[in-house]
């Protein structure tokens, strides 16, 4: 019985993932979002140059969950475009996006409660420090910013500040010096 409940829970927790830009055609030939089955919106935008001898990599480093959310929102506005010309964004382009994908994408990035803030801290601090976190967690929320303080399993103190929109503002923990990095200490 437990086995069947586990399978049922697993199947209901799964979400369909899509490749970026997944579309279908309507009977009339109109391009629709593969997830929501609504027409795509077209907007003029700017992108990094796509010709010449340089390659530009544009990514949202401040949003660690960006790629996880992106898998479920195939037609959100991509990170490699801007709506104002500037910096490396000098080449005109047209963006085709789904308004529902865009809304869902940003909702998936949001940090809504203490549990989500702790999950975010565990994920990001593990990536940045190469060490897992451990309880207790001290979580505060002030002026749209979550602060999570905890310890890493190797006993280093750690903290992270996260915008309500899911953007990492800062993280803080002692870095190992190169000769300490993998040495275990006994106490």
N, C-alpha and C. Protein backbone atom coordinates (compact mmCIF):
# COMPACT_ATOMS: atom_id res chain seq x y z
N UNK A 1 0.82 -1.19 0.00
CA UNK A 1 0.00 0.00 0.00
C UNK A 1 0.87 1.26 0.00
N UNK A 2 1.91 1.27 0.85
CA UNK A 2 2.81 2.42 0.90
C UNK A 2 3.47 2.65 -0.46
N UNK A 3 3.83 1.56 -1.11
CA UNK A 3 4.46 1.64 -2.42
C UNK A 3 3.55 2.35 -3.41
N UNK A 4 2.27 2.01 -3.43
CA UNK A 4 1.31 2.64 -4.33
C UNK A 4 1.13 4.12 -4.00
N UNK A 5 1.09 4.46 -2.71
CA UNK A 5 0.98 5.86 -2.32
C UNK A 5 2.21 6.66 -2.76
N UNK A 6 3.37 6.04 -2.64
CA UNK A 6 4.61 6.70 -3.05
C UNK A 6 4.60 6.98 -4.56
N UNK A 7 4.17 6.01 -5.33
CA UNK A 7 4.10 6.19 -6.79
C UNK A 7 3.09 7.28 -7.13
N UNK A 8 1.93 7.26 -6.48
CA UNK A 8 0.90 8.28 -6.74
C UNK A 8 1.43 9.67 -6.40
N UNK A 9 2.12 9.80 -5.27
CA UNK A 9 2.68 11.10 -4.88
C UNK A 9 3.73 11.55 -5.89
N UNK A 10 4.55 10.62 -6.36
CA UNK A 10 5.60 10.97 -7.32
C UNK A 10 4.99 11.45 -8.63
N UNK A 11 3.98 10.75 -9.11
CA UNK A 11 3.37 11.12 -10.38
C UNK A 11 2.65 12.46 -10.32
N UNK A 12 2.03 12.78 -9.20
CA UNK A 12 1.34 14.06 -9.10
C UNK A 12 2.31 15.21 -8.91
N UNK A 13 3.52 14.92 -8.43
CA UNK A 13 4.51 15.97 -8.21
C UNK A 13 5.25 16.32 -9.50
N UNK A 14 5.19 15.46 -10.49
CA UNK A 14 5.92 15.69 -11.74
C UNK A 14 5.23 16.77 -12.57
N UNK A 15 6.04 17.60 -13.20
CA UNK A 15 5.53 18.62 -14.11
C UNK A 15 6.16 18.35 -15.47
N UNK A 16 5.42 18.59 -16.51
CA UNK A 16 5.97 18.43 -17.85
C UNK A 16 7.02 19.50 -18.10
N UNK A 17 8.13 19.09 -18.68
CA UNK A 17 9.14 20.06 -19.08
C UNK A 17 9.09 20.20 -20.60
N UNK A 18 9.53 21.36 -21.07
CA UNK A 18 9.50 21.68 -22.50
C UNK A 18 10.85 22.21 -22.92
N UNK A 19 11.18 22.01 -24.19
CA UNK A 19 12.39 22.66 -24.70
C UNK A 19 12.07 24.12 -24.96
N UNK A 20 13.08 24.97 -24.92
CA UNK A 20 12.87 26.40 -25.12
C UNK A 20 12.20 26.65 -26.47
N UNK A 21 11.17 27.49 -26.46
CA UNK A 21 10.49 27.87 -27.69
C UNK A 21 9.54 26.83 -28.24
N UNK A 22 9.07 25.89 -27.42
CA UNK A 22 8.17 24.83 -27.89
C UNK A 22 6.85 25.44 -28.34
N UNK A 23 6.50 25.18 -29.60
CA UNK A 23 5.26 25.73 -30.17
C UNK A 23 4.51 24.65 -30.94
N UNK A 24 3.25 24.95 -31.22
CA UNK A 24 2.42 24.11 -32.07
C UNK A 24 1.71 25.04 -33.05
N UNK A 25 1.14 24.49 -34.08
CA UNK A 25 0.37 25.27 -35.05
C UNK A 25 -1.12 25.00 -34.85
N UNK A 26 -1.91 26.06 -34.91
CA UNK A 26 -3.36 25.91 -34.83
C UNK A 26 -3.88 25.44 -36.19
N UNK A 27 -5.15 25.10 -36.25
CA UNK A 27 -5.75 24.66 -37.51
C UNK A 27 -5.65 25.74 -38.58
N UNK A 28 -5.65 27.01 -38.14
CA UNK A 28 -5.56 28.12 -39.10
C UNK A 28 -4.11 28.48 -39.45
N UNK A 29 -3.14 27.77 -38.82
CA UNK A 29 -1.73 28.02 -39.12
C UNK A 29 -1.05 28.99 -38.18
N UNK A 30 -1.76 29.47 -37.17
CA UNK A 30 -1.18 30.41 -36.21
C UNK A 30 -0.26 29.66 -35.24
N UNK A 31 0.85 30.30 -34.87
CA UNK A 31 1.80 29.70 -33.93
C UNK A 31 1.30 29.90 -32.50
N UNK A 32 1.19 28.79 -31.75
CA UNK A 32 0.69 28.81 -30.38
C UNK A 32 1.75 28.27 -29.42
N UNK A 33 1.65 28.66 -28.17
CA UNK A 33 2.50 28.10 -27.12
C UNK A 33 2.13 26.63 -26.95
N UNK A 34 3.12 25.75 -26.91
CA UNK A 34 2.85 24.31 -26.78
C UNK A 34 2.24 23.97 -25.42
N UNK A 35 2.51 24.77 -24.41
CA UNK A 35 1.99 24.50 -23.08
C UNK A 35 0.58 25.05 -22.89
N UNK A 36 0.36 26.30 -23.27
CA UNK A 36 -0.90 26.98 -22.98
C UNK A 36 -1.87 27.04 -24.16
N UNK A 37 -1.39 26.73 -25.34
CA UNK A 37 -2.23 26.73 -26.55
C UNK A 37 -2.86 28.10 -26.81
N UNK A 38 -2.08 29.16 -26.57
CA UNK A 38 -2.52 30.53 -26.89
C UNK A 38 -1.51 31.14 -27.85
N UNK A 39 -1.93 32.15 -28.64
CA UNK A 39 -1.01 32.78 -29.59
C UNK A 39 0.16 33.47 -28.88
N UNK A 40 1.31 33.46 -29.53
CA UNK A 40 2.48 34.15 -29.00
C UNK A 40 2.38 35.64 -29.28
N UNK A 41 2.95 36.44 -28.39
CA UNK A 41 3.01 37.89 -28.53
C UNK A 41 4.37 38.23 -29.14
N UNK A 42 4.40 39.16 -30.09
CA UNK A 42 5.67 39.58 -30.71
C UNK A 42 6.04 40.98 -30.25
N UNK A 43 7.30 41.16 -29.87
CA UNK A 43 7.82 42.46 -29.44
C UNK A 43 9.18 42.70 -30.06
N UNK A 44 9.49 43.96 -30.34
CA UNK A 44 10.83 44.32 -30.80
C UNK A 44 11.75 44.39 -29.59
N UNK A 45 12.97 43.92 -29.78
CA UNK A 45 13.94 43.89 -28.68
C UNK A 45 15.34 44.06 -29.24
N UNK A 46 16.32 43.98 -28.35
CA UNK A 46 17.74 44.08 -28.71
C UNK A 46 18.46 42.85 -28.19
N UNK A 47 19.43 42.38 -28.94
CA UNK A 47 20.20 41.22 -28.52
C UNK A 47 21.69 41.46 -28.77
N UNK A 48 22.51 40.60 -28.19
CA UNK A 48 23.94 40.66 -28.46
C UNK A 48 24.17 40.27 -29.92
N UNK A 49 25.20 40.80 -30.55
CA UNK A 49 25.45 40.48 -31.96
C UNK A 49 25.55 38.97 -32.20
N UNK A 50 24.99 38.54 -33.32
CA UNK A 50 24.99 37.12 -33.67
C UNK A 50 25.90 36.81 -34.85
N UNK A 51 26.78 37.73 -35.19
CA UNK A 51 27.68 37.53 -36.31
C UNK A 51 29.07 38.00 -35.91
N UNK A 52 30.03 37.74 -36.74
CA UNK A 52 31.39 38.19 -36.45
C UNK A 52 32.19 37.14 -35.71
N UNK A 53 33.31 37.56 -35.14
CA UNK A 53 34.23 36.60 -34.53
C UNK A 53 34.09 36.50 -33.01
N UNK A 54 33.07 37.13 -32.43
CA UNK A 54 32.88 37.08 -30.98
C UNK A 54 31.62 36.30 -30.63
N UNK A 55 31.68 35.64 -29.48
CA UNK A 55 30.52 34.94 -28.96
C UNK A 55 30.17 35.58 -27.63
N UNK A 56 28.90 35.95 -27.46
CA UNK A 56 28.45 36.56 -26.22
C UNK A 56 27.59 35.56 -25.46
N UNK A 57 27.93 35.34 -24.21
CA UNK A 57 27.11 34.50 -23.35
C UNK A 57 26.38 35.40 -22.37
N UNK A 58 25.08 35.33 -22.39
CA UNK A 58 24.26 36.17 -21.53
C UNK A 58 23.45 35.24 -20.63
N UNK A 59 23.58 35.42 -19.32
CA UNK A 59 22.80 34.57 -18.40
C UNK A 59 22.49 35.33 -17.12
N UNK A 60 21.50 34.85 -16.42
CA UNK A 60 21.04 35.48 -15.19
C UNK A 60 21.72 34.83 -13.99
N UNK A 61 22.95 35.17 -13.71
CA UNK A 61 23.70 34.58 -12.60
C UNK A 61 23.05 34.89 -11.26
N UNK A 62 22.33 35.98 -11.16
CA UNK A 62 21.69 36.35 -9.91
C UNK A 62 20.45 35.53 -9.58
N UNK A 63 19.98 34.74 -10.54
CA UNK A 63 18.80 33.91 -10.34
C UNK A 63 19.19 32.43 -10.46
N UNK A 64 19.64 31.81 -9.38
CA UNK A 64 20.10 30.41 -9.46
C UNK A 64 19.04 29.42 -9.92
N UNK A 65 17.75 29.72 -9.69
CA UNK A 65 16.67 28.82 -10.12
C UNK A 65 16.23 29.08 -11.55
N UNK A 66 16.88 30.00 -12.24
CA UNK A 66 16.45 30.42 -13.58
C UNK A 66 16.23 29.23 -14.51
N UNK A 67 17.21 28.35 -14.60
CA UNK A 67 17.12 27.24 -15.56
C UNK A 67 16.10 26.21 -15.13
N UNK A 68 15.86 26.07 -13.83
CA UNK A 68 14.84 25.14 -13.37
C UNK A 68 13.45 25.65 -13.75
N UNK A 69 13.21 26.95 -13.55
CA UNK A 69 11.92 27.53 -13.92
C UNK A 69 11.73 27.53 -15.44
N UNK A 70 12.80 27.75 -16.15
CA UNK A 70 12.75 27.84 -17.61
C UNK A 70 12.25 26.54 -18.26
N UNK A 71 12.55 25.40 -17.65
CA UNK A 71 12.13 24.12 -18.22
C UNK A 71 10.61 23.98 -18.28
N UNK A 72 9.90 24.71 -17.42
CA UNK A 72 8.45 24.59 -17.34
C UNK A 72 7.72 25.74 -18.04
N UNK A 73 8.47 26.68 -18.55
CA UNK A 73 7.88 27.86 -19.20
C UNK A 73 8.60 28.09 -20.53
N UNK A 74 8.24 27.33 -21.55
CA UNK A 74 9.03 27.31 -22.79
C UNK A 74 9.04 28.61 -23.58
N UNK A 75 8.07 29.46 -23.39
CA UNK A 75 7.98 30.66 -24.20
C UNK A 75 7.97 31.94 -23.37
N UNK A 76 8.80 31.96 -22.32
CA UNK A 76 8.97 33.21 -21.57
C UNK A 76 9.95 34.08 -22.34
N UNK A 77 10.10 35.32 -21.93
CA UNK A 77 11.04 36.21 -22.60
C UNK A 77 12.46 35.75 -22.23
N UNK A 78 13.28 35.40 -23.22
CA UNK A 78 14.60 34.83 -22.92
C UNK A 78 15.56 35.87 -22.34
N UNK A 79 16.57 35.35 -21.65
CA UNK A 79 17.53 36.22 -20.95
C UNK A 79 18.52 36.89 -21.89
N UNK A 80 18.61 36.46 -23.11
CA UNK A 80 19.61 37.03 -24.01
C UNK A 80 19.09 38.23 -24.81
N UNK A 81 17.94 38.77 -24.41
CA UNK A 81 17.42 39.97 -25.07
C UNK A 81 17.13 41.06 -24.04
N UNK A 82 17.06 42.29 -24.52
CA UNK A 82 16.70 43.43 -23.68
C UNK A 82 15.74 44.31 -24.46
N UNK A 83 14.91 45.05 -23.76
CA UNK A 83 13.95 45.92 -24.43
C UNK A 83 14.46 47.34 -24.60
N UNK A 84 15.67 47.58 -24.11
CA UNK A 84 16.33 48.88 -24.30
C UNK A 84 17.73 48.63 -24.84
N UNK A 85 18.10 49.38 -25.83
CA UNK A 85 19.43 49.25 -26.43
C UNK A 85 20.48 49.72 -25.44
N UNK A 86 21.55 48.96 -25.32
CA UNK A 86 22.64 49.36 -24.43
C UNK A 86 23.58 48.20 -24.17
N UNK A 87 24.81 48.52 -23.77
CA UNK A 87 25.80 47.49 -23.49
C UNK A 87 26.05 46.62 -24.71
N UNK A 88 25.97 45.31 -24.52
CA UNK A 88 26.17 44.40 -25.66
C UNK A 88 24.90 44.23 -26.48
N UNK A 89 23.79 44.73 -26.01
CA UNK A 89 22.52 44.58 -26.71
C UNK A 89 22.38 45.67 -27.78
N UNK A 90 22.94 45.41 -28.97
CA UNK A 90 22.98 46.40 -30.04
C UNK A 90 22.30 45.96 -31.33
N UNK A 91 21.93 44.71 -31.42
CA UNK A 91 21.33 44.18 -32.66
C UNK A 91 19.82 44.03 -32.49
N UNK A 92 19.06 44.56 -33.45
CA UNK A 92 17.60 44.46 -33.39
C UNK A 92 17.16 43.01 -33.59
N UNK A 93 16.08 42.66 -32.90
CA UNK A 93 15.49 41.33 -33.06
C UNK A 93 14.01 41.41 -32.70
N UNK A 94 13.31 40.34 -32.92
CA UNK A 94 11.91 40.24 -32.52
C UNK A 94 11.78 39.05 -31.58
N UNK A 95 11.10 39.25 -30.47
CA UNK A 95 10.88 38.19 -29.48
C UNK A 95 9.43 37.73 -29.59
N UNK A 96 9.24 36.42 -29.58
CA UNK A 96 7.90 35.84 -29.59
C UNK A 96 7.75 35.11 -28.26
N UNK A 97 6.78 35.53 -27.45
CA UNK A 97 6.63 34.90 -26.14
C UNK A 97 5.16 34.69 -25.80
N UNK A 98 4.93 33.85 -24.80
CA UNK A 98 3.59 33.55 -24.30
C UNK A 98 3.41 34.33 -22.99
N UNK A 99 2.36 35.10 -22.89
CA UNK A 99 2.15 35.92 -21.69
C UNK A 99 1.95 35.04 -20.45
N UNK A 100 1.34 33.87 -20.60
CA UNK A 100 1.16 32.98 -19.45
C UNK A 100 2.47 32.33 -19.04
N UNK A 101 3.32 31.95 -20.00
CA UNK A 101 4.64 31.41 -19.67
C UNK A 101 5.46 32.46 -18.92
N UNK A 102 5.40 33.71 -19.38
CA UNK A 102 6.17 34.77 -18.73
C UNK A 102 5.72 34.96 -17.29
N UNK A 103 4.42 34.98 -17.07
CA UNK A 103 3.89 35.15 -15.71
C UNK A 103 4.27 33.97 -14.82
N UNK A 104 4.08 32.75 -15.31
CA UNK A 104 4.43 31.55 -14.54
C UNK A 104 5.92 31.49 -14.24
N UNK A 105 6.73 31.88 -15.21
CA UNK A 105 8.19 31.85 -15.03
C UNK A 105 8.60 32.68 -13.83
N UNK A 106 8.14 33.92 -13.76
CA UNK A 106 8.53 34.80 -12.65
C UNK A 106 7.88 34.36 -11.34
N UNK A 107 6.72 33.75 -11.40
CA UNK A 107 6.09 33.21 -10.18
C UNK A 107 6.90 32.04 -9.63
N UNK A 108 7.46 31.21 -10.51
CA UNK A 108 8.28 30.07 -10.06
C UNK A 108 9.56 30.54 -9.39
N UNK A 109 10.08 31.68 -9.79
CA UNK A 109 11.31 32.19 -9.19
C UNK A 109 11.07 32.82 -7.82
N UNK A 110 9.85 33.29 -7.55
CA UNK A 110 9.56 34.01 -6.30
C UNK A 110 9.80 33.14 -5.07
N UNK A 111 10.25 33.80 -4.01
CA UNK A 111 10.43 33.16 -2.71
C UNK A 111 9.25 33.63 -1.86
N UNK A 112 8.29 32.72 -1.62
CA UNK A 112 7.03 33.10 -0.99
C UNK A 112 7.01 32.98 0.52
N UNK A 113 7.80 32.05 1.07
CA UNK A 113 7.70 31.79 2.51
C UNK A 113 9.04 31.31 3.06
N UNK A 114 9.07 31.05 4.38
CA UNK A 114 10.31 30.63 5.04
C UNK A 114 10.85 29.34 4.46
N UNK A 115 9.99 28.37 4.19
CA UNK A 115 10.44 27.09 3.64
C UNK A 115 11.14 27.30 2.30
N UNK A 116 10.55 28.14 1.44
CA UNK A 116 11.18 28.41 0.13
C UNK A 116 12.51 29.13 0.32
N UNK A 117 12.60 30.03 1.30
CA UNK A 117 13.86 30.73 1.56
C UNK A 117 14.93 29.75 2.04
N UNK A 118 14.56 28.82 2.90
CA UNK A 118 15.52 27.80 3.37
C UNK A 118 15.95 26.89 2.24
N UNK A 119 14.99 26.45 1.41
CA UNK A 119 15.33 25.60 0.25
C UNK A 119 16.32 26.32 -0.67
N UNK A 120 16.07 27.60 -0.92
CA UNK A 120 16.96 28.40 -1.76
C UNK A 120 18.35 28.47 -1.13
N UNK A 121 18.40 28.76 0.18
CA UNK A 121 19.69 28.85 0.89
C UNK A 121 20.45 27.53 0.81
N UNK A 122 19.75 26.43 1.03
CA UNK A 122 20.42 25.12 0.97
C UNK A 122 21.04 24.89 -0.40
N UNK A 123 20.28 25.18 -1.44
CA UNK A 123 20.75 24.96 -2.81
C UNK A 123 21.94 25.86 -3.16
N UNK A 124 21.79 27.16 -2.94
CA UNK A 124 22.82 28.12 -3.36
C UNK A 124 24.07 28.01 -2.49
N UNK A 125 23.91 27.88 -1.19
CA UNK A 125 25.10 27.77 -0.33
C UNK A 125 25.87 26.48 -0.60
N UNK A 126 25.16 25.42 -0.94
CA UNK A 126 25.85 24.17 -1.30
C UNK A 126 26.68 24.38 -2.58
N UNK A 127 26.11 25.07 -3.57
CA UNK A 127 26.84 25.33 -4.81
C UNK A 127 28.05 26.23 -4.55
N UNK A 128 27.86 27.29 -3.79
CA UNK A 128 28.92 28.28 -3.57
C UNK A 128 30.01 27.80 -2.61
N UNK A 129 29.62 27.04 -1.57
CA UNK A 129 30.59 26.67 -0.54
C UNK A 129 31.10 25.25 -0.65
N UNK A 130 30.46 24.44 -1.49
CA UNK A 130 30.79 23.03 -1.63
C UNK A 130 30.55 22.28 -0.32
N UNK A 131 29.57 22.75 0.45
CA UNK A 131 29.22 22.12 1.72
C UNK A 131 27.72 22.28 1.95
N UNK A 132 27.09 21.27 2.49
CA UNK A 132 25.66 21.34 2.78
C UNK A 132 25.42 22.19 4.03
N UNK A 133 24.18 22.66 4.17
CA UNK A 133 23.81 23.45 5.33
C UNK A 133 23.18 22.53 6.38
N UNK A 134 23.07 23.05 7.60
CA UNK A 134 22.38 22.28 8.65
C UNK A 134 21.58 23.24 9.53
N UNK A 135 20.55 22.69 10.14
CA UNK A 135 19.69 23.46 11.05
C UNK A 135 20.47 23.75 12.33
N UNK A 136 20.04 24.72 13.07
CA UNK A 136 18.85 25.54 12.92
C UNK A 136 19.05 26.66 11.91
N UNK A 137 17.95 27.08 11.31
CA UNK A 137 17.95 28.19 10.35
C UNK A 137 17.27 29.39 11.00
N UNK A 138 17.88 30.54 10.88
CA UNK A 138 17.26 31.79 11.33
C UNK A 138 16.83 32.52 10.07
N UNK A 139 15.54 32.73 9.93
CA UNK A 139 14.99 33.33 8.71
C UNK A 139 14.26 34.62 9.08
N UNK A 140 14.61 35.69 8.37
CA UNK A 140 13.90 36.96 8.55
C UNK A 140 13.48 37.50 7.19
N UNK A 141 12.43 38.32 7.20
CA UNK A 141 11.95 38.95 5.97
C UNK A 141 11.69 40.42 6.28
N UNK A 142 12.47 41.30 5.64
CA UNK A 142 12.30 42.74 5.84
C UNK A 142 12.45 43.46 4.51
N UNK A 143 11.50 44.34 4.22
CA UNK A 143 11.52 45.19 3.03
C UNK A 143 11.80 44.41 1.74
N UNK A 144 11.13 43.27 1.58
CA UNK A 144 11.26 42.48 0.36
C UNK A 144 12.52 41.63 0.27
N UNK A 145 13.26 41.49 1.38
CA UNK A 145 14.50 40.71 1.36
C UNK A 145 14.46 39.63 2.43
N UNK A 146 14.68 38.40 2.00
CA UNK A 146 14.81 37.27 2.91
C UNK A 146 16.26 37.16 3.34
N UNK A 147 16.51 36.93 4.62
CA UNK A 147 17.85 36.63 5.12
C UNK A 147 17.78 35.29 5.83
N UNK A 148 18.66 34.37 5.42
CA UNK A 148 18.73 33.05 6.05
C UNK A 148 20.13 32.89 6.63
N UNK A 149 20.18 32.60 7.93
CA UNK A 149 21.46 32.34 8.61
C UNK A 149 21.44 30.90 9.10
N UNK A 150 22.59 30.23 8.94
CA UNK A 150 22.69 28.83 9.35
C UNK A 150 24.16 28.47 9.49
N UNK A 151 24.42 27.19 9.64
CA UNK A 151 25.79 26.68 9.64
C UNK A 151 25.94 25.70 8.49
N UNK A 152 27.15 25.59 8.02
CA UNK A 152 27.47 24.55 7.05
C UNK A 152 27.85 23.30 7.85
N UNK A 153 27.77 22.12 7.23
CA UNK A 153 28.06 20.90 7.98
C UNK A 153 29.50 20.86 8.48
N UNK A 154 30.38 21.62 7.86
CA UNK A 154 31.77 21.67 8.32
C UNK A 154 31.97 22.77 9.38
N UNK A 155 30.87 23.25 9.95
CA UNK A 155 30.83 24.19 11.08
C UNK A 155 31.08 25.65 10.73
N UNK A 156 31.25 25.98 9.47
CA UNK A 156 31.40 27.39 9.10
C UNK A 156 30.04 28.07 9.17
N UNK A 157 29.97 29.30 9.70
CA UNK A 157 28.70 30.03 9.69
C UNK A 157 28.42 30.52 8.26
N UNK A 158 27.15 30.61 7.92
CA UNK A 158 26.79 31.06 6.58
C UNK A 158 25.51 31.89 6.64
N UNK A 159 25.39 32.81 5.69
CA UNK A 159 24.14 33.57 5.55
C UNK A 159 23.97 33.93 4.08
N UNK A 160 22.72 34.16 3.72
CA UNK A 160 22.40 34.54 2.35
C UNK A 160 21.23 35.50 2.38
N UNK A 161 21.27 36.49 1.47
CA UNK A 161 20.16 37.44 1.31
C UNK A 161 19.56 37.19 -0.07
N UNK A 162 18.22 37.13 -0.08
CA UNK A 162 17.50 36.77 -1.28
C UNK A 162 16.37 37.77 -1.49
N UNK A 163 16.26 38.32 -2.69
CA UNK A 163 15.13 39.17 -3.01
C UNK A 163 13.86 38.35 -3.10
N UNK A 164 12.74 38.95 -2.81
CA UNK A 164 11.46 38.25 -2.89
C UNK A 164 11.22 37.70 -4.30
N UNK A 165 11.85 38.32 -5.30
CA UNK A 165 11.71 37.88 -6.69
C UNK A 165 12.59 36.69 -7.03
N UNK A 166 13.34 36.14 -6.04
CA UNK A 166 14.18 34.98 -6.28
C UNK A 166 15.59 35.31 -6.71
N UNK A 167 15.97 36.57 -6.61
CA UNK A 167 17.31 37.01 -7.00
C UNK A 167 18.24 36.93 -5.80
N UNK A 168 19.38 36.30 -5.99
CA UNK A 168 20.38 36.24 -4.92
C UNK A 168 21.03 37.61 -4.79
N UNK A 169 21.00 38.18 -3.61
CA UNK A 169 21.60 39.49 -3.37
C UNK A 169 23.03 39.33 -2.88
N UNK A 170 23.22 38.47 -1.89
CA UNK A 170 24.59 38.22 -1.39
C UNK A 170 24.60 36.94 -0.58
N UNK A 171 25.78 36.37 -0.47
CA UNK A 171 25.97 35.24 0.43
C UNK A 171 27.26 35.49 1.19
N UNK A 172 27.35 34.91 2.36
CA UNK A 172 28.52 35.15 3.20
C UNK A 172 28.86 33.88 3.97
N UNK A 173 30.10 33.45 3.86
CA UNK A 173 30.62 32.33 4.65
C UNK A 173 32.14 32.38 4.51
N UNK A 174 32.87 31.91 5.53
CA UNK A 174 34.33 31.91 5.43
C UNK A 174 34.81 30.98 4.32
N UNK A 175 35.71 31.46 3.52
CA UNK A 175 36.30 30.64 2.45
C UNK A 175 37.51 29.91 3.02
N UNK A 176 37.71 28.71 2.53
CA UNK A 176 38.92 27.99 2.91
C UNK A 176 40.11 28.58 2.18
N UNK A 177 41.24 28.62 2.81
CA UNK A 177 42.46 28.97 2.07
C UNK A 177 42.86 27.72 1.28
N UNK A 178 43.69 27.86 0.28
CA UNK A 178 44.01 26.74 -0.60
C UNK A 178 44.62 25.56 0.14
N UNK A 179 45.36 25.80 1.23
CA UNK A 179 45.97 24.67 1.94
C UNK A 179 45.03 24.06 2.98
N UNK A 180 43.87 24.65 3.21
CA UNK A 180 42.92 24.11 4.18
C UNK A 180 41.75 23.40 3.51
N UNK A 181 41.62 23.53 2.23
CA UNK A 181 40.36 23.20 1.56
C UNK A 181 39.82 21.81 1.88
N UNK A 182 40.62 20.81 1.91
CA UNK A 182 40.07 19.47 2.12
C UNK A 182 40.59 18.80 3.39
N UNK A 183 41.27 19.54 4.25
CA UNK A 183 41.78 18.94 5.48
C UNK A 183 40.68 18.90 6.53
N UNK A 184 40.53 17.77 7.18
CA UNK A 184 39.56 17.64 8.25
C UNK A 184 40.26 18.02 9.56
N UNK A 185 39.54 18.70 10.39
CA UNK A 185 40.11 19.04 11.69
C UNK A 185 39.43 18.22 12.75
N UNK A 186 40.16 17.87 13.77
CA UNK A 186 39.59 17.12 14.89
C UNK A 186 39.48 18.05 16.07
N UNK A 187 38.40 17.89 16.80
CA UNK A 187 38.20 18.74 17.97
C UNK A 187 37.84 17.89 19.13
